[in-house]
Amino acid sequence: MAQQKGHLPVKGRIGNLSFYKSRDGYLVKDKGGISKSRLASDPAFQRTRENGAEFGRAGKAGKLLRNAVKAVSQKASDGRAVSRLTKQMTLVQKSDTVSKRGERNVVDGNIGLLQGFQFNINAVLDSTFFAPFTAAIDRATGTLSVDIPAFVP
């Protein structure tokens, strides 16, 4: 992806080029791509549709987890937590050996792959919270428990 280096920040479109600002600075990209109808029906894009469906399910699973821990993670996460969590959920999903490709899901995957995930890569929990704790997931009931014995902060 191209990055603007000049002093004139540009946003918008010029021809087939899109200029926009992200947290990485001002960027430019070519329009490109195929039509939505061809992507949805052309047999050559079957694998693309499978990948998109699985990515969507991984994103939704990440959203469910983020909502579940929102009260404690909202002010503690960094700006890239969502993308890192989606990446981990994709790995969990790919570990699903029960479902066929394109229909794999997080529920049938190895949820243990989320162990050690950090919502804030700049303040890793192990370096900021020193009390011992244990975490357990009961797949049968769908519950997660975290046990933190009494400690002096």
N, C-alpha and C. Protein backbone atom coordinates (compact mmCIF):
# COMPACT_ATOMS: atom_id res chain seq x y z
N MET A 1 0.84 -1.17 0.00
CA MET A 1 0.00 0.00 0.00
C MET A 1 0.89 1.24 0.00
N ALA A 2 0.56 2.18 -0.83
CA ALA A 2 1.35 3.41 -0.95
C ALA A 2 1.07 4.33 0.22
N GLN A 3 2.07 5.12 0.58
CA GLN A 3 1.91 6.09 1.65
C GLN A 3 2.33 7.46 1.14
N GLN A 4 1.56 8.47 1.50
CA GLN A 4 1.87 9.83 1.08
C GLN A 4 3.01 10.38 1.92
N LYS A 5 3.96 11.01 1.29
CA LYS A 5 5.11 11.57 1.99
C LYS A 5 5.15 13.09 1.94
N GLY A 6 4.30 13.69 1.14
CA GLY A 6 4.35 15.14 0.97
C GLY A 6 3.71 15.89 2.12
N HIS A 7 3.66 17.23 1.97
CA HIS A 7 3.11 18.10 3.01
C HIS A 7 1.63 18.36 2.81
N LEU A 8 1.07 17.88 1.72
CA LEU A 8 -0.32 18.14 1.41
C LEU A 8 -1.16 16.89 1.68
N PRO A 9 -1.84 16.83 2.83
CA PRO A 9 -2.67 15.66 3.12
C PRO A 9 -3.92 15.68 2.24
N VAL A 10 -4.16 14.60 1.52
CA VAL A 10 -5.29 14.50 0.60
C VAL A 10 -6.21 13.39 1.08
N LYS A 11 -7.51 13.66 1.07
CA LYS A 11 -8.51 12.64 1.36
C LYS A 11 -9.51 12.64 0.22
N GLY A 12 -9.99 11.43 -0.13
CA GLY A 12 -10.99 11.34 -1.18
C GLY A 12 -10.49 10.54 -2.37
N ARG A 13 -11.12 10.76 -3.51
CA ARG A 13 -10.80 10.00 -4.72
C ARG A 13 -10.33 10.91 -5.84
N ILE A 14 -9.37 10.42 -6.57
CA ILE A 14 -8.94 11.03 -7.82
C ILE A 14 -8.80 9.88 -8.81
N GLY A 15 -9.71 9.83 -9.77
CA GLY A 15 -9.71 8.71 -10.72
C GLY A 15 -9.94 7.39 -9.98
N ASN A 16 -9.04 6.43 -10.18
CA ASN A 16 -9.14 5.13 -9.52
C ASN A 16 -8.33 5.06 -8.23
N LEU A 17 -7.83 6.20 -7.76
CA LEU A 17 -7.04 6.22 -6.54
C LEU A 17 -7.89 6.75 -5.38
N SER A 18 -7.80 6.08 -4.24
CA SER A 18 -8.48 6.52 -3.01
C SER A 18 -7.44 6.97 -2.01
N PHE A 19 -7.57 8.19 -1.54
CA PHE A 19 -6.67 8.76 -0.54
C PHE A 19 -7.42 8.78 0.79
N TYR A 20 -6.78 8.30 1.85
CA TYR A 20 -7.45 8.27 3.15
C TYR A 20 -6.43 8.35 4.28
N LYS A 21 -6.92 8.64 5.47
CA LYS A 21 -6.06 8.73 6.65
C LYS A 21 -6.38 7.58 7.58
N SER A 22 -5.33 6.91 8.08
CA SER A 22 -5.48 5.86 9.07
C SER A 22 -4.53 6.21 10.23
N ARG A 23 -4.50 5.34 11.22
CA ARG A 23 -3.58 5.61 12.34
C ARG A 23 -2.13 5.49 11.90
N ASP A 24 -1.90 4.93 10.71
CA ASP A 24 -0.55 4.81 10.18
C ASP A 24 -0.15 6.00 9.31
N GLY A 25 -1.03 6.97 9.19
CA GLY A 25 -0.74 8.15 8.38
C GLY A 25 -1.66 8.24 7.19
N TYR A 26 -1.31 9.09 6.23
CA TYR A 26 -2.10 9.24 5.01
C TYR A 26 -1.68 8.18 4.01
N LEU A 27 -2.66 7.43 3.48
CA LEU A 27 -2.38 6.33 2.57
C LEU A 27 -3.16 6.50 1.28
N VAL A 28 -2.73 5.77 0.25
CA VAL A 28 -3.42 5.80 -1.04
C VAL A 28 -3.48 4.37 -1.56
N LYS A 29 -4.63 4.01 -2.16
CA LYS A 29 -4.76 2.68 -2.75
C LYS A 29 -5.53 2.77 -4.05
N ASP A 30 -5.31 1.78 -4.90
CA ASP A 30 -5.99 1.66 -6.19
C ASP A 30 -7.36 1.04 -5.96
N LYS A 31 -8.35 1.43 -6.74
CA LYS A 31 -9.71 0.92 -6.58
C LYS A 31 -9.73 -0.59 -6.76
N GLY A 32 -9.41 -1.10 -7.92
CA GLY A 32 -9.29 -2.53 -8.18
C GLY A 32 -10.48 -3.37 -7.75
N GLY A 33 -10.35 -4.70 -7.85
CA GLY A 33 -11.36 -5.62 -7.38
C GLY A 33 -12.29 -6.12 -8.48
N ILE A 34 -13.16 -7.06 -8.09
CA ILE A 34 -14.16 -7.62 -9.00
C ILE A 34 -15.54 -7.22 -8.53
N SER A 35 -16.54 -7.47 -9.36
CA SER A 35 -17.90 -7.08 -9.00
C SER A 35 -18.45 -8.00 -7.91
N LYS A 36 -19.35 -7.48 -7.11
CA LYS A 36 -19.96 -8.23 -6.02
C LYS A 36 -20.75 -9.42 -6.55
N SER A 37 -21.47 -9.25 -7.66
CA SER A 37 -22.28 -10.34 -8.20
C SER A 37 -21.40 -11.49 -8.71
N ARG A 38 -20.26 -11.15 -9.31
CA ARG A 38 -19.35 -12.20 -9.78
C ARG A 38 -18.74 -12.96 -8.60
N LEU A 39 -18.37 -12.24 -7.56
CA LEU A 39 -17.81 -12.87 -6.36
C LEU A 39 -18.82 -13.82 -5.73
N ALA A 40 -20.10 -13.45 -5.76
CA ALA A 40 -21.15 -14.26 -5.12
C ALA A 40 -21.54 -15.49 -5.92
N SER A 41 -21.28 -15.51 -7.25
CA SER A 41 -21.80 -16.62 -8.05
C SER A 41 -20.76 -17.39 -8.86
N ASP A 42 -19.65 -16.81 -9.18
CA ASP A 42 -18.65 -17.46 -10.03
C ASP A 42 -18.01 -18.64 -9.28
N PRO A 43 -18.01 -19.84 -9.86
CA PRO A 43 -17.39 -21.00 -9.22
C PRO A 43 -15.89 -20.81 -8.94
N ALA A 44 -15.24 -19.95 -9.69
CA ALA A 44 -13.82 -19.70 -9.47
C ALA A 44 -13.56 -19.03 -8.11
N PHE A 45 -14.59 -18.44 -7.53
CA PHE A 45 -14.43 -17.74 -6.25
C PHE A 45 -15.06 -18.50 -5.09
N GLN A 46 -15.28 -19.81 -5.26
CA GLN A 46 -15.86 -20.63 -4.18
C GLN A 46 -14.98 -20.57 -2.93
N ARG A 47 -13.67 -20.72 -3.10
CA ARG A 47 -12.75 -20.69 -1.96
C ARG A 47 -12.78 -19.31 -1.28
N THR A 48 -12.90 -18.26 -2.06
CA THR A 48 -13.00 -16.91 -1.51
C THR A 48 -14.24 -16.76 -0.65
N ARG A 49 -15.37 -17.31 -1.13
CA ARG A 49 -16.60 -17.26 -0.34
C ARG A 49 -16.46 -18.05 0.95
N GLU A 50 -15.80 -19.21 0.90
CA GLU A 50 -15.56 -20.02 2.10
C GLU A 50 -14.71 -19.24 3.10
N ASN A 51 -13.63 -18.64 2.61
CA ASN A 51 -12.75 -17.86 3.48
C ASN A 51 -13.49 -16.69 4.11
N GLY A 52 -14.32 -16.01 3.32
CA GLY A 52 -15.08 -14.87 3.83
C GLY A 52 -16.07 -15.29 4.90
N ALA A 53 -16.74 -16.42 4.70
CA ALA A 53 -17.71 -16.91 5.68
C ALA A 53 -17.00 -17.25 7.00
N GLU A 54 -15.86 -17.92 6.90
CA GLU A 54 -15.12 -18.28 8.11
C GLU A 54 -14.57 -17.05 8.82
N PHE A 55 -14.06 -16.09 8.05
CA PHE A 55 -13.55 -14.87 8.66
C PHE A 55 -14.67 -14.12 9.38
N GLY A 56 -15.85 -14.09 8.79
CA GLY A 56 -16.99 -13.44 9.42
C GLY A 56 -17.36 -14.11 10.74
N ARG A 57 -17.34 -15.45 10.77
CA ARG A 57 -17.65 -16.16 12.01
C ARG A 57 -16.58 -15.91 13.07
N ALA A 58 -15.31 -15.85 12.66
CA ALA A 58 -14.23 -15.56 13.61
C ALA A 58 -14.39 -14.15 14.19
N GLY A 59 -14.76 -13.19 13.35
CA GLY A 59 -14.98 -11.82 13.81
C GLY A 59 -16.13 -11.73 14.79
N LYS A 60 -17.22 -12.47 14.52
CA LYS A 60 -18.37 -12.47 15.43
C LYS A 60 -18.02 -13.11 16.76
N ALA A 61 -17.22 -14.18 16.72
CA ALA A 61 -16.80 -14.83 17.96
C ALA A 61 -15.93 -13.88 18.80
N GLY A 62 -15.04 -13.15 18.13
CA GLY A 62 -14.23 -12.16 18.83
C GLY A 62 -15.08 -11.07 19.44
N LYS A 63 -16.11 -10.64 18.72
CA LYS A 63 -17.02 -9.61 19.23
C LYS A 63 -17.75 -10.11 20.47
N LEU A 64 -18.18 -11.37 20.46
CA LEU A 64 -18.85 -11.94 21.64
C LEU A 64 -17.93 -11.94 22.85
N LEU A 65 -16.67 -12.32 22.64
CA LEU A 65 -15.71 -12.32 23.74
C LEU A 65 -15.44 -10.90 24.24
N ARG A 66 -15.27 -9.97 23.31
CA ARG A 66 -15.02 -8.58 23.72
C ARG A 66 -16.19 -8.02 24.50
N ASN A 67 -17.42 -8.34 24.08
CA ASN A 67 -18.60 -7.87 24.83
C ASN A 67 -18.68 -8.50 26.21
N ALA A 68 -18.26 -9.76 26.32
CA ALA A 68 -18.31 -10.46 27.61
C ALA A 68 -17.35 -9.85 28.63
N VAL A 69 -16.22 -9.35 28.17
CA VAL A 69 -15.23 -8.78 29.09
C VAL A 69 -15.13 -7.26 28.96
N LYS A 70 -16.13 -6.66 28.36
CA LYS A 70 -16.09 -5.22 28.08
C LYS A 70 -15.89 -4.37 29.33
N ALA A 71 -16.53 -4.74 30.41
CA ALA A 71 -16.45 -3.94 31.63
C ALA A 71 -15.02 -3.82 32.15
N VAL A 72 -14.23 -4.87 32.00
CA VAL A 72 -12.87 -4.82 32.51
C VAL A 72 -11.83 -4.50 31.45
N SER A 73 -12.17 -4.65 30.18
CA SER A 73 -11.16 -4.45 29.14
C SER A 73 -11.33 -3.16 28.35
N GLN A 74 -12.46 -2.47 28.53
CA GLN A 74 -12.75 -1.31 27.68
C GLN A 74 -11.66 -0.24 27.75
N LYS A 75 -11.21 0.07 28.93
CA LYS A 75 -10.18 1.12 29.06
C LYS A 75 -8.78 0.53 29.11
N ALA A 76 -8.68 -0.80 29.06
CA ALA A 76 -7.37 -1.44 29.17
C ALA A 76 -6.84 -1.95 27.85
N SER A 77 -7.65 -1.97 26.79
CA SER A 77 -7.18 -2.53 25.53
C SER A 77 -6.51 -1.46 24.67
N ASP A 78 -5.69 -1.93 23.73
CA ASP A 78 -5.02 -1.00 22.82
C ASP A 78 -5.77 -0.94 21.50
N GLY A 79 -5.31 -0.14 20.58
CA GLY A 79 -6.00 0.08 19.32
C GLY A 79 -5.96 -1.08 18.34
N ARG A 80 -5.15 -2.07 18.59
CA ARG A 80 -5.03 -3.22 17.69
C ARG A 80 -5.60 -4.50 18.31
N ALA A 81 -6.25 -4.40 19.46
CA ALA A 81 -6.76 -5.59 20.15
C ALA A 81 -7.78 -6.34 19.29
N VAL A 82 -8.64 -5.63 18.60
CA VAL A 82 -9.69 -6.27 17.79
C VAL A 82 -9.06 -7.13 16.69
N SER A 83 -8.08 -6.59 15.99
CA SER A 83 -7.46 -7.35 14.90
C SER A 83 -6.67 -8.54 15.44
N ARG A 84 -5.99 -8.36 16.57
CA ARG A 84 -5.24 -9.48 17.15
C ARG A 84 -6.19 -10.58 17.64
N LEU A 85 -7.32 -10.19 18.23
CA LEU A 85 -8.29 -11.17 18.70
C LEU A 85 -8.93 -11.91 17.53
N THR A 86 -9.24 -11.20 16.46
CA THR A 86 -9.80 -11.85 15.27
C THR A 86 -8.80 -12.85 14.70
N LYS A 87 -7.53 -12.50 14.70
CA LYS A 87 -6.50 -13.41 14.22
C LYS A 87 -6.47 -14.68 15.08
N GLN A 88 -6.52 -14.52 16.41
CA GLN A 88 -6.51 -15.69 17.29
C GLN A 88 -7.76 -16.53 17.11
N MET A 89 -8.92 -15.87 16.95
CA MET A 89 -10.16 -16.61 16.73
C MET A 89 -10.10 -17.39 15.42
N THR A 90 -9.43 -16.83 14.42
CA THR A 90 -9.26 -17.53 13.15
C THR A 90 -8.43 -18.79 13.35
N LEU A 91 -7.38 -18.71 14.18
CA LEU A 91 -6.57 -19.90 14.48
C LEU A 91 -7.38 -20.95 15.22
N VAL A 92 -8.20 -20.51 16.18
CA VAL A 92 -9.07 -21.44 16.91
C VAL A 92 -10.02 -22.11 15.92
N GLN A 93 -10.58 -21.32 15.05
CA GLN A 93 -11.53 -21.83 14.05
C GLN A 93 -10.86 -22.85 13.13
N LYS A 94 -9.65 -22.58 12.71
CA LYS A 94 -8.94 -23.49 11.81
C LYS A 94 -8.60 -24.81 12.49
N SER A 95 -8.61 -24.84 13.82
CA SER A 95 -8.33 -26.08 14.54
C SER A 95 -9.57 -26.97 14.63
N ASP A 96 -10.70 -26.51 14.15
CA ASP A 96 -11.94 -27.30 14.13
C ASP A 96 -11.78 -28.44 13.12
N THR A 97 -11.76 -29.68 13.62
CA THR A 97 -11.61 -30.84 12.75
C THR A 97 -12.95 -31.52 12.49
N VAL A 98 -14.02 -31.03 13.11
CA VAL A 98 -15.35 -31.62 12.97
C VAL A 98 -16.04 -31.13 11.71
N SER A 99 -15.99 -29.84 11.46
CA SER A 99 -16.71 -29.22 10.34
C SER A 99 -15.83 -29.21 9.09
N LYS A 100 -16.49 -29.14 7.93
CA LYS A 100 -15.74 -29.07 6.68
C LYS A 100 -15.32 -27.62 6.40
N ARG A 101 -14.35 -27.46 5.53
CA ARG A 101 -13.82 -26.14 5.18
C ARG A 101 -14.94 -25.23 4.70
N GLY A 102 -14.93 -24.02 5.18
CA GLY A 102 -15.98 -23.07 4.84
C GLY A 102 -17.09 -23.04 5.88
N GLU A 103 -17.16 -24.08 6.71
CA GLU A 103 -18.19 -24.16 7.75
C GLU A 103 -17.58 -24.33 9.14
N ARG A 104 -16.23 -24.24 9.23
CA ARG A 104 -15.57 -24.39 10.53
C ARG A 104 -16.00 -23.26 11.45
N ASN A 105 -16.01 -23.54 12.76
CA ASN A 105 -16.43 -22.53 13.72
C ASN A 105 -15.56 -22.59 14.97
N VAL A 106 -15.64 -21.57 15.78
CA VAL A 106 -14.83 -21.45 16.99
C VAL A 106 -15.26 -22.45 18.05
N VAL A 107 -16.54 -22.75 18.14
CA VAL A 107 -17.07 -23.64 19.17
C VAL A 107 -16.43 -25.02 19.10
N ASP A 108 -16.18 -25.53 17.91
CA ASP A 108 -15.60 -26.86 17.74
C ASP A 108 -14.08 -26.83 17.64
N GLY A 109 -13.48 -25.66 17.78
CA GLY A 109 -12.03 -25.53 17.70
C GLY A 109 -11.37 -25.64 19.06
N ASN A 110 -10.06 -25.51 19.09
CA ASN A 110 -9.27 -25.59 20.31
C ASN A 110 -9.23 -24.22 20.97
N ILE A 111 -10.15 -23.97 21.89
CA ILE A 111 -10.26 -22.67 22.55
C ILE A 111 -9.03 -22.34 23.39
N GLY A 112 -8.24 -23.38 23.70
CA GLY A 112 -7.00 -23.17 24.45
C GLY A 112 -6.00 -22.30 23.71
N LEU A 113 -6.17 -22.13 22.42
CA LEU A 113 -5.28 -21.27 21.64
C LEU A 113 -5.43 -19.79 22.04
N LEU A 114 -6.48 -19.46 22.78
CA LEU A 114 -6.65 -18.09 23.25
C LEU A 114 -5.87 -17.82 24.53
N GLN A 115 -5.36 -18.88 25.15
CA GLN A 115 -4.62 -18.71 26.40
C GLN A 115 -3.42 -17.79 26.18
N GLY A 116 -3.27 -16.82 27.04
CA GLY A 116 -2.18 -15.87 26.94
C GLY A 116 -2.49 -14.66 26.07
N PHE A 117 -3.72 -14.58 25.52
CA PHE A 117 -4.06 -13.42 24.69
C PHE A 117 -4.03 -12.16 25.54
N GLN A 118 -3.48 -11.09 25.01
CA GLN A 118 -3.36 -9.82 25.72
C GLN A 118 -4.22 -8.77 25.02
N PHE A 119 -5.12 -8.14 25.77
CA PHE A 119 -5.93 -7.07 25.20
C PHE A 119 -5.12 -5.80 25.02
N ASN A 120 -4.04 -5.66 25.77
CA ASN A 120 -3.17 -4.50 25.61
C ASN A 120 -1.74 -4.99 25.50
N ILE A 121 -1.20 -4.98 24.31
CA ILE A 121 0.15 -5.49 24.06
C ILE A 121 1.20 -4.60 24.73
N ASN A 122 0.84 -3.36 25.05
CA ASN A 122 1.78 -2.43 25.70
C ASN A 122 1.80 -2.58 27.21
N ALA A 123 0.82 -3.27 27.77
CA ALA A 123 0.75 -3.51 29.22
C ALA A 123 0.31 -4.95 29.43
N VAL A 124 1.24 -5.87 29.23
CA VAL A 124 0.96 -7.30 29.34
C VAL A 124 0.53 -7.62 30.77
N LEU A 125 -0.54 -8.40 30.91
CA LEU A 125 -1.11 -8.69 32.22
C LEU A 125 -0.09 -9.27 33.18
N ASP A 126 0.77 -10.18 32.72
CA ASP A 126 1.77 -10.80 33.60
C ASP A 126 2.77 -9.79 34.16
N SER A 127 2.93 -8.65 33.49
CA SER A 127 3.89 -7.66 33.98
C SER A 127 3.21 -6.55 34.79
N THR A 128 1.88 -6.58 34.88
CA THR A 128 1.18 -5.55 35.64
C THR A 128 0.33 -6.12 36.78
N PHE A 129 0.00 -7.42 36.73
CA PHE A 129 -0.82 -8.05 37.75
C PHE A 129 -0.07 -9.29 38.24
N PHE A 130 0.39 -9.24 39.52
CA PHE A 130 1.28 -10.28 40.02
C PHE A 130 0.61 -11.29 40.93
N ALA A 131 -0.68 -11.16 41.18
CA ALA A 131 -1.38 -12.12 42.04
C ALA A 131 -1.58 -13.43 41.27
N PRO A 132 -1.50 -14.56 41.97
CA PRO A 132 -1.75 -15.83 41.28
C PRO A 132 -3.24 -15.97 40.95
N PHE A 133 -3.53 -16.58 39.82
CA PHE A 133 -4.92 -16.82 39.45
C PHE A 133 -5.00 -18.07 38.59
N THR A 134 -6.18 -18.66 38.56
CA THR A 134 -6.41 -19.81 37.69
C THR A 134 -7.65 -19.53 36.85
N ALA A 135 -7.64 -20.02 35.63
CA ALA A 135 -8.78 -19.85 34.73
C ALA A 135 -9.18 -21.22 34.20
N ALA A 136 -10.48 -21.42 34.05
CA ALA A 136 -10.98 -22.70 33.54
C ALA A 136 -12.18 -22.46 32.65
N ILE A 137 -12.29 -23.26 31.61
CA ILE A 137 -13.42 -23.20 30.70
C ILE A 137 -14.15 -24.53 30.75
N ASP A 138 -15.46 -24.48 30.99
CA ASP A 138 -16.30 -25.67 30.98
C ASP A 138 -17.10 -25.65 29.68
N ARG A 139 -16.67 -26.44 28.72
CA ARG A 139 -17.32 -26.42 27.40
C ARG A 139 -18.74 -26.95 27.47
N ALA A 140 -19.01 -27.87 28.41
CA ALA A 140 -20.35 -28.45 28.51
C ALA A 140 -21.39 -27.40 28.91
N THR A 141 -21.03 -26.54 29.86
CA THR A 141 -21.98 -25.52 30.31
C THR A 141 -21.77 -24.19 29.62
N GLY A 142 -20.60 -24.03 28.97
CA GLY A 142 -20.31 -22.77 28.29
C GLY A 142 -19.89 -21.67 29.24
N THR A 143 -19.29 -22.04 30.38
CA THR A 143 -18.89 -21.04 31.35
C THR A 143 -17.37 -20.94 31.45
N LEU A 144 -16.93 -19.75 31.77
CA LEU A 144 -15.53 -19.46 32.02
C LEU A 144 -15.44 -18.97 33.44
N SER A 145 -14.47 -19.49 34.19
CA SER A 145 -14.30 -19.01 35.56
C SER A 145 -12.84 -18.62 35.78
N VAL A 146 -12.66 -17.54 36.50
CA VAL A 146 -11.35 -17.06 36.88
C VAL A 146 -11.34 -16.95 38.40
N ASP A 147 -10.39 -17.64 39.03
CA ASP A 147 -10.30 -17.65 40.48
C ASP A 147 -9.05 -16.86 40.90
N ILE A 148 -9.28 -15.80 41.68
CA ILE A 148 -8.19 -14.97 42.19
C ILE A 148 -8.27 -14.99 43.71
N PRO A 149 -7.37 -15.71 44.38
CA PRO A 149 -7.40 -15.73 45.84
C PRO A 149 -7.10 -14.35 46.41
N ALA A 150 -7.46 -14.14 47.67
CA ALA A 150 -7.21 -12.85 48.31
C ALA A 150 -5.72 -12.52 48.26
N PHE A 151 -5.40 -11.25 47.99
CA PHE A 151 -4.01 -10.84 47.91
C PHE A 151 -3.90 -9.38 48.32
N VAL A 152 -2.68 -8.98 48.65
CA VAL A 152 -2.41 -7.59 49.02
C VAL A 152 -1.81 -6.92 47.78
N PRO A 153 -2.49 -5.91 47.24
CA PRO A 153 -1.99 -5.26 46.03
C PRO A 153 -0.74 -4.43 46.29
